[in-house]
Amino acid sequence: LAELCESLDCANEFCSLGGLEVALSLLGHRWPPLRAGAARL
């Protein structure tokens, strides 16, 4: 998702699908790689 969202069109589409909410929910995940990945995304 992070690679796809480097494109503005893909980032717009991602946001329209509710992706920001998903990424934000993972910022508090118990596993560090998921917190880091969500922040990067």
Full PDB file with SEQRES, HELIX, SHEET, SSBOND, CRYST1, ORIGX, SCALE, CONECT and MASTER records, all heavy atoms in Angstrom:
SEQRES   1 A   41  LEU ALA GLU LEU CYS GLU SER LEU ASP CYS ALA ASN GLU          
SEQRES   2 A   41  PHE CYS SER LEU GLY GLY LEU GLU VAL ALA LEU SER LEU          
SEQRES   3 A   41  LEU GLY HIS ARG TRP PRO PRO LEU ARG ALA GLY ALA ALA          
SEQRES   4 A   41  ARG LEU                                                      
HELIX    1 AA1 LEU A    4  GLU A    6  5                                   3    
HELIX    2 AA2 LEU A    8  SER A   16  1                                   9    
HELIX    3 AA3 GLY A   19  LEU A   26  1                                   8    
HELIX    4 AA4 PRO A   32  ARG A   40  1                                   9    
CRYST1    1.000    1.000    1.000  90.00  90.00  90.00 P 1           1          
ORIGX1      1.000000  0.000000  0.000000        0.00000                         
ORIGX2      0.000000  1.000000  0.000000        0.00000                         
ORIGX3      0.000000  0.000000  1.000000        0.00000                         
SCALE1      1.000000  0.000000  0.000000        0.00000                         
SCALE2      0.000000  1.000000  0.000000        0.00000                         
SCALE3      0.000000  0.000000  1.000000        0.00000                         
ATOM      1  N   LEU A   1       0.830  -1.211   0.000  1.00  0.00           N  
ATOM      2  CA  LEU A   1       0.000   0.000   0.000  1.00  0.00           C  
ATOM      3  C   LEU A   1       0.863   1.259   0.000  1.00  0.00           C  
ATOM      4  O   LEU A   1       0.566   2.221  -0.709  1.00  0.00           O  
ATOM      5  CB  LEU A   1      -0.929   0.009   1.213  1.00  0.00           C  
ATOM      6  CG  LEU A   1      -2.118  -0.940   1.142  1.00  0.00           C  
ATOM      7  CD1 LEU A   1      -2.812  -1.035   2.501  1.00  0.00           C  
ATOM      8  CD2 LEU A   1      -3.105  -0.509   0.066  1.00  0.00           C  
ATOM      9  N   ALA A   2       1.939   1.260   0.772  1.00  0.00           N  
ATOM     10  CA  ALA A   2       2.821   2.431   0.820  1.00  0.00           C  
ATOM     11  C   ALA A   2       3.431   2.695  -0.553  1.00  0.00           C  
ATOM     12  O   ALA A   2       3.506   3.846  -0.998  1.00  0.00           O  
ATOM     13  CB  ALA A   2       3.909   2.232   1.870  1.00  0.00           C  
ATOM     14  N   GLU A   3       3.834   1.643  -1.240  1.00  0.00           N  
ATOM     15  CA  GLU A   3       4.412   1.809  -2.585  1.00  0.00           C  
ATOM     16  C   GLU A   3       3.360   2.330  -3.559  1.00  0.00           C  
ATOM     17  O   GLU A   3       3.627   3.230  -4.361  1.00  0.00           O  
ATOM     18  CB  GLU A   3       4.999   0.493  -3.078  1.00  0.00           C  
ATOM     19  CG  GLU A   3       6.284   0.119  -2.357  1.00  0.00           C  
ATOM     20  CD  GLU A   3       6.816  -1.247  -2.757  1.00  0.00           C  
ATOM     21  OE1 GLU A   3       6.394  -1.765  -3.817  1.00  0.00           O  
ATOM     22  OE2 GLU A   3       7.638  -1.788  -2.013  1.00  0.00           O  
ATOM     23  N   LEU A   4       2.163   1.769  -3.499  1.00  0.00           N  
ATOM     24  CA  LEU A   4       1.087   2.221  -4.386  1.00  0.00           C  
ATOM     25  C   LEU A   4       0.730   3.681  -4.119  1.00  0.00           C  
ATOM     26  O   LEU A   4       0.496   4.455  -5.048  1.00  0.00           O  
ATOM     27  CB  LEU A   4      -0.156   1.346  -4.213  1.00  0.00           C  
ATOM     28  CG  LEU A   4      -0.082  -0.073  -4.767  1.00  0.00           C  
ATOM     29  CD1 LEU A   4      -1.272  -0.888  -4.288  1.00  0.00           C  
ATOM     30  CD2 LEU A   4      -0.013  -0.065  -6.282  1.00  0.00           C  
ATOM     31  N   CYS A   5       0.704   4.066  -2.848  1.00  0.00           N  
ATOM     32  CA  CYS A   5       0.262   5.409  -2.479  1.00  0.00           C  
ATOM     33  C   CYS A   5       1.325   6.477  -2.709  1.00  0.00           C  
ATOM     34  O   CYS A   5       1.092   7.652  -2.411  1.00  0.00           O  
ATOM     35  CB  CYS A   5      -0.221   5.423  -1.028  1.00  0.00           C  
ATOM     36  SG  CYS A   5      -1.797   4.555  -0.841  1.00  0.00           S  
ATOM     37  N   GLU A   6       2.464   6.098  -3.254  1.00  0.00           N  
ATOM     38  CA  GLU A   6       3.435   7.108  -3.698  1.00  0.00           C  
ATOM     39  C   GLU A   6       2.833   7.904  -4.858  1.00  0.00           C  
ATOM     40  O   GLU A   6       3.200   9.041  -5.098  1.00  0.00           O  
ATOM     41  CB  GLU A   6       4.744   6.446  -4.140  1.00  0.00           C  
ATOM     42  CG  GLU A   6       5.536   5.789  -3.025  1.00  0.00           C  
ATOM     43  CD  GLU A   6       6.279   6.774  -2.152  1.00  0.00           C  
ATOM     44  OE1 GLU A   6       6.419   7.943  -2.541  1.00  0.00           O  
ATOM     45  OE2 GLU A   6       6.726   6.366  -1.068  1.00  0.00           O  
ATOM     46  N   SER A   7       1.900   7.282  -5.580  1.00  0.00           N  
ATOM     47  CA  SER A   7       1.183   7.956  -6.663  1.00  0.00           C  
ATOM     48  C   SER A   7      -0.002   8.715  -6.064  1.00  0.00           C  
ATOM     49  O   SER A   7      -0.759   8.161  -5.257  1.00  0.00           O  
ATOM     50  CB  SER A   7       0.680   6.915  -7.667  1.00  0.00           C  
ATOM     51  OG  SER A   7      -0.461   7.378  -8.340  1.00  0.00           O  
ATOM     52  N   LEU A   8      -0.151   9.974  -6.455  1.00  0.00           N  
ATOM     53  CA  LEU A   8      -1.246  10.792  -5.909  1.00  0.00           C  
ATOM     54  C   LEU A   8      -2.616  10.199  -6.225  1.00  0.00           C  
ATOM     55  O   LEU A   8      -3.522  10.228  -5.394  1.00  0.00           O  
ATOM     56  CB  LEU A   8      -1.158  12.219  -6.444  1.00  0.00           C  
ATOM     57  CG  LEU A   8       0.032  13.045  -5.965  1.00  0.00           C  
ATOM     58  CD1 LEU A   8      -0.009  14.434  -6.575  1.00  0.00           C  
ATOM     59  CD2 LEU A   8       0.078  13.137  -4.453  1.00  0.00           C  
ATOM     60  N   ASP A   9      -2.774   9.656  -7.440  1.00  0.00           N  
ATOM     61  CA  ASP A   9      -4.061   9.057  -7.804  1.00  0.00           C  
ATOM     62  C   ASP A   9      -4.382   7.868  -6.908  1.00  0.00           C  
ATOM     63  O   ASP A   9      -5.514   7.709  -6.448  1.00  0.00           O  
ATOM     64  CB  ASP A   9      -4.068   8.623  -9.271  1.00  0.00           C  
ATOM     65  CG  ASP A   9      -4.080   9.809 -10.221  1.00  0.00           C  
ATOM     66  OD1 ASP A   9      -4.507  10.908  -9.793  1.00  0.00           O  
ATOM     67  OD2 ASP A   9      -3.648   9.653 -11.378  1.00  0.00           O  
ATOM     68  N   CYS A  10      -3.377   7.034  -6.668  1.00  0.00           N  
ATOM     69  CA  CYS A  10      -3.593   5.869  -5.800  1.00  0.00           C  
ATOM     70  C   CYS A  10      -3.868   6.305  -4.364  1.00  0.00           C  
ATOM     71  O   CYS A  10      -4.719   5.717  -3.689  1.00  0.00           O  
ATOM     72  CB  CYS A  10      -2.371   4.951  -5.828  1.00  0.00           C  
ATOM     73  SG  CYS A  10      -2.205   4.045  -7.368  1.00  0.00           S  
ATOM     74  N   ALA A  11      -3.159   7.335  -3.919  1.00  0.00           N  
ATOM     75  CA  ALA A  11      -3.381   7.829  -2.557  1.00  0.00           C  
ATOM     76  C   ALA A  11      -4.810   8.353  -2.410  1.00  0.00           C  
ATOM     77  O   ALA A  11      -5.473   8.095  -1.403  1.00  0.00           O  
ATOM     78  CB  ALA A  11      -2.367   8.916  -2.221  1.00  0.00           C  
ATOM     79  N   ASN A  12      -5.296   9.068  -3.433  1.00  0.00           N  
ATOM     80  CA  ASN A  12      -6.684   9.540  -3.413  1.00  0.00           C  
ATOM     81  C   ASN A  12      -7.662   8.381  -3.336  1.00  0.00           C  
ATOM     82  O   ASN A  12      -8.625   8.394  -2.564  1.00  0.00           O  
ATOM     83  CB  ASN A  12      -6.980  10.365  -4.676  1.00  0.00           C  
ATOM     84  CG  ASN A  12      -6.868  11.849  -4.427  1.00  0.00           C  
ATOM     85  OD1 ASN A  12      -7.186  12.329  -3.351  1.00  0.00           O  
ATOM     86  ND2 ASN A  12      -6.416  12.563  -5.427  1.00  0.00           N  
ATOM     87  N   GLU A  13      -7.416   7.376  -4.160  1.00  0.00           N  
ATOM     88  CA  GLU A  13      -8.285   6.188  -4.182  1.00  0.00           C  
ATOM     89  C   GLU A  13      -8.246   5.471  -2.833  1.00  0.00           C  
ATOM     90  O   GLU A  13      -9.272   5.054  -2.305  1.00  0.00           O  
ATOM     91  CB  GLU A  13      -7.811   5.242  -5.297  1.00  0.00           C  
ATOM     92  CG  GLU A  13      -8.740   4.098  -5.580  1.00  0.00           C  
ATOM     93  CD  GLU A  13     -10.039   4.529  -6.251  1.00  0.00           C  
ATOM     94  OE1 GLU A  13     -10.044   5.525  -6.990  1.00  0.00           O  
ATOM     95  OE2 GLU A  13     -11.050   3.853  -6.022  1.00  0.00           O  
ATOM     96  N   PHE A  14      -7.053   5.339  -2.265  1.00  0.00           N  
ATOM     97  CA  PHE A  14      -6.869   4.697  -0.967  1.00  0.00           C  
ATOM     98  C   PHE A  14      -7.695   5.417   0.104  1.00  0.00           C  
ATOM     99  O   PHE A  14      -8.383   4.785   0.903  1.00  0.00           O  
ATOM    100  CB  PHE A  14      -5.383   4.719  -0.606  1.00  0.00           C  
ATOM    101  CG  PHE A  14      -5.062   4.161   0.746  1.00  0.00           C  
ATOM    102  CD1 PHE A  14      -5.057   2.799   0.978  1.00  0.00           C  
ATOM    103  CD2 PHE A  14      -4.741   5.007   1.797  1.00  0.00           C  
ATOM    104  CE1 PHE A  14      -4.749   2.288   2.226  1.00  0.00           C  
ATOM    105  CE2 PHE A  14      -4.426   4.515   3.046  1.00  0.00           C  
ATOM    106  CZ  PHE A  14      -4.430   3.149   3.261  1.00  0.00           C  
ATOM    107  N   CYS A  15      -7.638   6.747   0.089  1.00  0.00           N  
ATOM    108  CA  CYS A  15      -8.393   7.537   1.069  1.00  0.00           C  
ATOM    109  C   CYS A  15      -9.892   7.353   0.873  1.00  0.00           C  
ATOM    110  O   CYS A  15     -10.642   7.254   1.850  1.00  0.00           O  
ATOM    111  CB  CYS A  15      -8.025   9.011   0.960  1.00  0.00           C  
ATOM    112  SG  CYS A  15      -6.326   9.362   1.444  1.00  0.00           S  
ATOM    113  N   SER A  16     -10.337   7.288  -0.384  1.00  0.00           N  
ATOM    114  CA  SER A  16     -11.772   7.128  -0.649  1.00  0.00           C  
ATOM    115  C   SER A  16     -12.283   5.761  -0.192  1.00  0.00           C  
ATOM    116  O   SER A  16     -13.468   5.591   0.075  1.00  0.00           O  
ATOM    117  CB  SER A  16     -12.074   7.336  -2.136  1.00  0.00           C  
ATOM    118  OG  SER A  16     -11.662   6.219  -2.893  1.00  0.00           O  
ATOM    119  N   LEU A  17     -11.381   4.790  -0.080  1.00  0.00           N  
ATOM    120  CA  LEU A  17     -11.756   3.448   0.381  1.00  0.00           C  
ATOM    121  C   LEU A  17     -11.701   3.313   1.905  1.00  0.00           C  
ATOM    122  O   LEU A  17     -11.897   2.215   2.435  1.00  0.00           O  
ATOM    123  CB  LEU A  17     -10.829   2.404  -0.261  1.00  0.00           C  
ATOM    124  CG  LEU A  17     -10.962   2.216  -1.767  1.00  0.00           C  
ATOM    125  CD1 LEU A  17      -9.823   1.350  -2.305  1.00  0.00           C  
ATOM    126  CD2 LEU A  17     -12.314   1.591  -2.112  1.00  0.00           C  
ATOM    127  N   GLY A  18     -11.393   4.406   2.608  1.00  0.00           N  
ATOM    128  CA  GLY A  18     -11.300   4.347   4.065  1.00  0.00           C  
ATOM    129  C   GLY A  18      -9.947   3.887   4.559  1.00  0.00           C  
ATOM    130  O   GLY A  18      -9.807   3.456   5.715  1.00  0.00           O  
ATOM    131  N   GLY A  19      -8.939   3.993   3.713  1.00  0.00           N  
ATOM    132  CA  GLY A  19      -7.610   3.504   4.073  1.00  0.00           C  
ATOM    133  C   GLY A  19      -6.941   4.266   5.200  1.00  0.00           C  
ATOM    134  O   GLY A  19      -6.205   3.680   5.994  1.00  0.00           O  
ATOM    135  N   LEU A  20      -7.190   5.582   5.277  1.00  0.00           N  
ATOM    136  CA  LEU A  20      -6.561   6.359   6.355  1.00  0.00           C  
ATOM    137  C   LEU A  20      -7.007   5.851   7.722  1.00  0.00           C  
ATOM    138  O   LEU A  20      -6.205   5.752   8.648  1.00  0.00           O  
ATOM    139  CB  LEU A  20      -6.895   7.844   6.219  1.00  0.00           C  
ATOM    140  CG  LEU A  20      -6.149   8.610   5.130  1.00  0.00           C  
ATOM    141  CD1 LEU A  20      -6.654  10.052   5.073  1.00  0.00           C  
ATOM    142  CD2 LEU A  20      -4.647   8.579   5.355  1.00  0.00           C  
ATOM    143  N   GLU A  21      -8.280   5.530   7.833  1.00  0.00           N  
ATOM    144  CA  GLU A  21      -8.795   5.019   9.097  1.00  0.00           C  
ATOM    145  C   GLU A  21      -8.112   3.702   9.473  1.00  0.00           C  
ATOM    146  O   GLU A  21      -7.778   3.477  10.638  1.00  0.00           O  
ATOM    147  CB  GLU A  21     -10.316   4.824   9.021  1.00  0.00           C  
ATOM    148  CG  GLU A  21     -11.104   6.118   8.955  1.00  0.00           C  
ATOM    149  CD  GLU A  21     -11.205   6.752   7.563  1.00  0.00           C  
ATOM    150  OE1 GLU A  21     -10.531   6.282   6.622  1.00  0.00           O  
ATOM    151  OE2 GLU A  21     -11.946   7.737   7.421  1.00  0.00           O  
ATOM    152  N   VAL A  22      -7.889   2.856   8.474  1.00  0.00           N  
ATOM    153  CA  VAL A  22      -7.222   1.577   8.723  1.00  0.00           C  
ATOM    154  C   VAL A  22      -5.789   1.813   9.183  1.00  0.00           C  
ATOM    155  O   VAL A  22      -5.328   1.223  10.164  1.00  0.00           O  
ATOM    156  CB  VAL A  22      -7.255   0.691   7.455  1.00  0.00           C  
ATOM    157  CG1 VAL A  22      -6.413  -0.555   7.642  1.00  0.00           C  
ATOM    158  CG2 VAL A  22      -8.689   0.324   7.099  1.00  0.00           C  
ATOM    159  N   ALA A  23      -5.074   2.702   8.488  1.00  0.00           N  
ATOM    160  CA  ALA A  23      -3.686   2.985   8.850  1.00  0.00           C  
ATOM    161  C   ALA A  23      -3.606   3.557  10.266  1.00  0.00           C  
ATOM    162  O   ALA A  23      -2.755   3.142  11.070  1.00  0.00           O  
ATOM    163  CB  ALA A  23      -3.062   3.954   7.845  1.00  0.00           C  
ATOM    164  N   LEU A  24      -4.501   4.478  10.590  1.00  0.00           N  
ATOM    165  CA  LEU A  24      -4.481   5.079  11.924  1.00  0.00           C  
ATOM    166  C   LEU A  24      -4.781   4.052  13.018  1.00  0.00           C  
ATOM    167  O   LEU A  24      -4.199   4.105  14.096  1.00  0.00           O  
ATOM    168  CB  LEU A  24      -5.484   6.228  11.995  1.00  0.00           C  
ATOM    169  CG  LEU A  24      -5.008   7.503  11.307  1.00  0.00           C  
ATOM    170  CD1 LEU A  24      -6.161   8.469  11.097  1.00  0.00           C  
ATOM    171  CD2 LEU A  24      -3.909   8.163  12.095  1.00  0.00           C  
ATOM    172  N   SER A  25      -5.659   3.114  12.720  1.00  0.00           N  
ATOM    173  CA  SER A  25      -5.981   2.101  13.731  1.00  0.00           C  
ATOM    174  C   SER A  25      -4.776   1.209  14.029  1.00  0.00           C  
ATOM    175  O   SER A  25      -4.661   0.677  15.131  1.00  0.00           O  
ATOM    176  CB  SER A  25      -7.175   1.251  13.276  1.00  0.00           C  
ATOM    177  OG  SER A  25      -6.794   0.380  12.220  1.00  0.00           O  
ATOM    178  N   LEU A  26      -3.882   1.067  13.060  1.00  0.00           N  
ATOM    179  CA  LEU A  26      -2.706   0.209  13.260  1.00  0.00           C  
ATOM    180  C   LEU A  26      -1.550   0.916  13.956  1.00  0.00           C  
ATOM    181  O   LEU A  26      -0.576   0.274  14.335  1.00  0.00           O  
ATOM    182  CB  LEU A  26      -2.235  -0.357  11.913  1.00  0.00           C  
ATOM    183  CG  LEU A  26      -3.174  -1.376  11.278  1.00  0.00           C  
ATOM    184  CD1 LEU A  26      -2.716  -1.731   9.869  1.00  0.00           C  
ATOM    185  CD2 LEU A  26      -3.260  -2.633  12.136  1.00  0.00           C  
ATOM    186  N   LEU A  27      -1.641   2.233  14.124  1.00  0.00           N  
ATOM    187  CA  LEU A  27      -0.564   2.950  14.821  1.00  0.00           C  
ATOM    188  C   LEU A  27      -0.426   2.489  16.275  1.00  0.00           C  
ATOM    189  O   LEU A  27       0.634   2.625  16.867  1.00  0.00           O  
ATOM    190  CB  LEU A  27      -0.804   4.461  14.783  1.00  0.00           C  
ATOM    191  CG  LEU A  27      -0.625   5.149  13.441  1.00  0.00           C  
ATOM    192  CD1 LEU A  27      -0.967   6.634  13.560  1.00  0.00           C  
ATOM    193  CD2 LEU A  27       0.784   4.960  12.900  1.00  0.00           C  
ATOM    194  N   GLY A  28      -1.488   1.937  16.819  1.00  0.00           N  
ATOM    195  CA  GLY A  28      -1.437   1.457  18.200  1.00  0.00           C  
ATOM    196  C   GLY A  28      -1.311  -0.052  18.313  1.00  0.00           C  
ATOM    197  O   GLY A  28      -1.513  -0.608  19.395  1.00  0.00           O  
ATOM    198  N   HIS A  29      -0.964  -0.710  17.222  1.00  0.00           N  
ATOM    199  CA  HIS A  29      -0.869  -2.179  17.237  1.00  0.00           C  
ATOM    200  C   HIS A  29       0.245  -2.645  18.163  1.00  0.00           C  
ATOM    201  O   HIS A  29       1.245  -1.956  18.361  1.00  0.00           O  
ATOM    202  CB  HIS A  29      -0.623  -2.697  15.812  1.00  0.00           C  
ATOM    203  CG  HIS A  29      -0.948  -4.146  15.666  1.00  0.00           C  
ATOM    204  ND1 HIS A  29      -0.079  -5.140  16.027  1.00  0.00           N  
ATOM    205  CD2 HIS A  29      -2.062  -4.766  15.216  1.00  0.00           C  
ATOM    206  CE1 HIS A  29      -0.625  -6.316  15.794  1.00  0.00           C  
ATOM    207  NE2 HIS A  29      -1.838  -6.114  15.308  1.00  0.00           N  
ATOM    208  N   ARG A  30       0.091  -3.822  18.712  1.00  0.00           N  
ATOM    209  CA  ARG A  30       1.092  -4.325  19.676  1.00  0.00           C  
ATOM    210  C   ARG A  30       2.414  -4.708  19.018  1.00  0.00           C  
ATOM    211  O   ARG A  30       3.449  -4.723  19.667  1.00  0.00           O  
ATOM    212  CB  ARG A  30       0.525  -5.503  20.442  1.00  0.00           C  
ATOM    213  CG  ARG A  30       0.147  -6.671  19.557  1.00  0.00           C  
ATOM    214  CD  ARG A  30      -0.551  -7.751  20.320  1.00  0.00           C  
ATOM    215  NE  ARG A  30       0.383  -8.385  21.221  1.00  0.00           N  
ATOM    216  CZ  ARG A  30       0.152  -9.517  21.838  1.00  0.00           C  
ATOM    217  NH1 ARG A  30      -1.003 -10.129  21.659  1.00  0.00           N  
ATOM    218  NH2 ARG A  30       1.039 -10.058  22.621  1.00  0.00           N  
ATOM    219  N   TRP A  31       2.403  -5.057  17.712  1.00  0.00           N  
ATOM    220  CA  TRP A  31       3.645  -5.470  17.062  1.00  0.00           C  
ATOM    221  C   TRP A  31       4.313  -4.275  16.379  1.00  0.00           C  
ATOM    222  O   TRP A  31       3.700  -3.599  15.543  1.00  0.00           O  
ATOM    223  CB  TRP A  31       3.391  -6.555  16.019  1.00  0.00           C  
ATOM    224  CG  TRP A  31       2.882  -7.859  16.563  1.00  0.00           C  
ATOM    225  CD1 TRP A  31       1.717  -8.475  16.228  1.00  0.00           C  
ATOM    226  CD2 TRP A  31       3.511  -8.694  17.536  1.00  0.00           C  
ATOM    227  NE1 TRP A  31       1.575  -9.635  16.926  1.00  0.00           N  
ATOM    228  CE2 TRP A  31       2.667  -9.802  17.734  1.00  0.00           C  
ATOM    229  CE3 TRP A  31       4.698  -8.614  18.265  1.00  0.00           C  
ATOM    230  CZ2 TRP A  31       2.974 -10.830  18.625  1.00  0.00           C  
ATOM    231  CZ3 TRP A  31       5.007  -9.635  19.155  1.00  0.00           C  
ATOM    232  CH2 TRP A  31       4.158 -10.726  19.321  1.00  0.00           C  
ATOM    233  N   PRO A  32       5.583  -4.020  16.696  1.00  0.00           N  
ATOM    234  CA  PRO A  32       6.299  -2.857  16.144  1.00  0.00           C  
ATOM    235  C   PRO A  32       6.324  -2.760  14.622  1.00  0.00           C  
ATOM    236  O   PRO A  32       6.145  -1.667  14.085  1.00  0.00           O  
ATOM    237  CB  PRO A  32       7.713  -2.994  16.713  1.00  0.00           C  
ATOM    238  CG  PRO A  32       7.543  -3.793  17.960  1.00  0.00           C  
ATOM    239  CD  PRO A  32       6.397  -4.734  17.690  1.00  0.00           C  
ATOM    240  N   PRO A  33       6.523  -3.882  13.876  1.00  0.00           N  
ATOM    241  CA  PRO A  33       6.551  -3.729  12.418  1.00  0.00           C  
ATOM    242  C   PRO A  33       5.245  -3.186  11.840  1.00  0.00           C  
ATOM    243  O   PRO A  33       5.264  -2.491  10.823  1.00  0.00           O  
ATOM    244  CB  PRO A  33       6.825  -5.149  11.902  1.00  0.00           C  
ATOM    245  CG  PRO A  33       7.463  -5.860  13.036  1.00  0.00           C  
ATOM    246  CD  PRO A  33       6.853  -5.263  14.269  1.00  0.00           C  
ATOM    247  N   LEU A  34       4.132  -3.478  12.485  1.00  0.00           N  
ATOM    248  CA  LEU A  34       2.859  -2.964  11.994  1.00  0.00           C  
ATOM    249  C   LEU A  34       2.690  -1.490  12.345  1.00  0.00           C  
ATOM    250  O   LEU A  34       2.147  -0.725  11.547  1.00  0.00           O  
ATOM    251  CB  LEU A  34       1.689  -3.793  12.534  1.00  0.00           C  
ATOM    252  CG  LEU A  34       1.671  -5.261  12.099  1.00  0.00           C  
ATOM    253  CD1 LEU A  34       0.375  -5.933  12.528  1.00  0.00           C  
ATOM    254  CD2 LEU A  34       1.874  -5.418  10.614  1.00  0.00           C  
ATOM    255  N   ARG A  35       3.180  -1.092  13.511  1.00  0.00           N  
ATOM    256  CA  ARG A  35       3.133   0.342  13.856  1.00  0.00           C  
ATOM    257  C   ARG A  35       3.995   1.144  12.876  1.00  0.00           C  
ATOM    258  O   ARG A  35       3.577   2.185  12.369  1.00  0.00           O  
ATOM    259  CB  ARG A  35       3.628   0.570  15.292  1.00  0.00           C  
ATOM    260  CG  ARG A  35       2.710   0.021  16.355  1.00  0.00           C  
ATOM    261  CD  ARG A  35       3.026   0.558  17.735  1.00  0.00           C  
ATOM    262  NE  ARG A  35       4.391   0.327  18.201  1.00  0.00           N  
ATOM    263  CZ  ARG A  35       4.816  -0.754  18.834  1.00  0.00           C  
ATOM    264  NH1 ARG A  35       3.976  -1.761  19.063  1.00  0.00           N  
ATOM    265  NH2 ARG A  35       6.068  -0.846  19.249  1.00  0.00           N  
ATOM    266  N   ALA A  36       5.194   0.642  12.605  1.00  0.00           N  
ATOM    267  CA  ALA A  36       6.105   1.335  11.682  1.00  0.00           C  
ATOM    268  C   ALA A  36       5.524   1.364  10.270  1.00  0.00           C  
ATOM    269  O   ALA A  36       5.559   2.397   9.588  1.00  0.00           O  
ATOM    270  CB  ALA A  36       7.476   0.663  11.687  1.00  0.00           C  
ATOM    271  N   GLY A  37       4.980   0.250   9.819  1.00  0.00           N  
ATOM    272  CA  GLY A  37       4.401   0.182   8.475  1.00  0.00           C  
ATOM    273  C   GLY A  37       3.203   1.104   8.317  1.00  0.00           C  
ATOM    274  O   GLY A  37       3.036   1.759   7.289  1.00  0.00           O  
ATOM    275  N   ALA A  38       2.376   1.183   9.355  1.00  0.00           N  
ATOM    276  CA  ALA A  38       1.202   2.061   9.303  1.00  0.00           C  
ATOM    277  C   ALA A  38       1.633   3.527   9.259  1.00  0.00           C  
ATOM    278  O   ALA A  38       1.047   4.331   8.530  1.00  0.00           O  
ATOM    279  CB  ALA A  38       0.307   1.808  10.514  1.00  0.00           C  
ATOM    280  N   ALA A  39       2.670   3.881  10.015  1.00  0.00           N  
ATOM    281  CA  ALA A  39       3.159   5.266  10.004  1.00  0.00           C  
ATOM    282  C   ALA A  39       3.726   5.618   8.630  1.00  0.00           C  
ATOM    283  O   ALA A  39       3.458   6.696   8.093  1.00  0.00           O  
ATOM    284  CB  ALA A  39       4.220   5.459  11.084  1.00  0.00           C  
ATOM    285  N   ARG A  40       4.494   4.699   8.058  1.00  0.00           N  
ATOM    286  CA  ARG A  40       5.056   4.960   6.726  1.00  0.00           C  
ATOM    287  C   ARG A  40       3.937   5.134   5.695  1.00  0.00           C  
ATOM    288  O   ARG A  40       3.970   6.036   4.857  1.00  0.00           O  
ATOM    289  CB  ARG A  40       5.985   3.817   6.313  1.00  0.00           C  
ATOM    290  CG  ARG A  40       6.558   4.022   4.924  1.00  0.00           C  
ATOM    291  CD  ARG A  40       7.603   2.964   4.566  1.00  0.00           C  
ATOM    292  NE  ARG A  40       7.975   3.163   3.170  1.00  0.00           N  
ATOM    293  CZ  ARG A  40       7.698   2.304   2.200  1.00  0.00           C  
ATOM    294  NH1 ARG A  40       7.072   1.177   2.444  1.00  0.00           N  
ATOM    295  NH2 ARG A  40       8.062   2.555   0.955  1.00  0.00           N  
ATOM    296  N   LEU A  41       2.934   4.269   5.763  1.00  0.00           N  
ATOM    297  CA  LEU A  41       1.798   4.350   4.838  1.00  0.00           C  
ATOM    298  C   LEU A  41       1.065   5.676   4.997  1.00  0.00           C  
ATOM    299  O   LEU A  41       0.725   6.329   4.009  1.00  0.00           O  
ATOM    300  CB  LEU A  41       0.846   3.177   5.087  1.00  0.00           C  
ATOM    301  CG  LEU A  41      -0.485   3.192   4.346  1.00  0.00           C  
ATOM    302  CD1 LEU A  41      -0.279   3.274   2.833  1.00  0.00           C  
ATOM    303  CD2 LEU A  41      -1.306   1.961   4.713  1.00  0.00           C  
TER     304      LEU A  41                                                      
MASTER        0    0    0    4    0    0    0    6  303    1    0    4          
END                                                                             
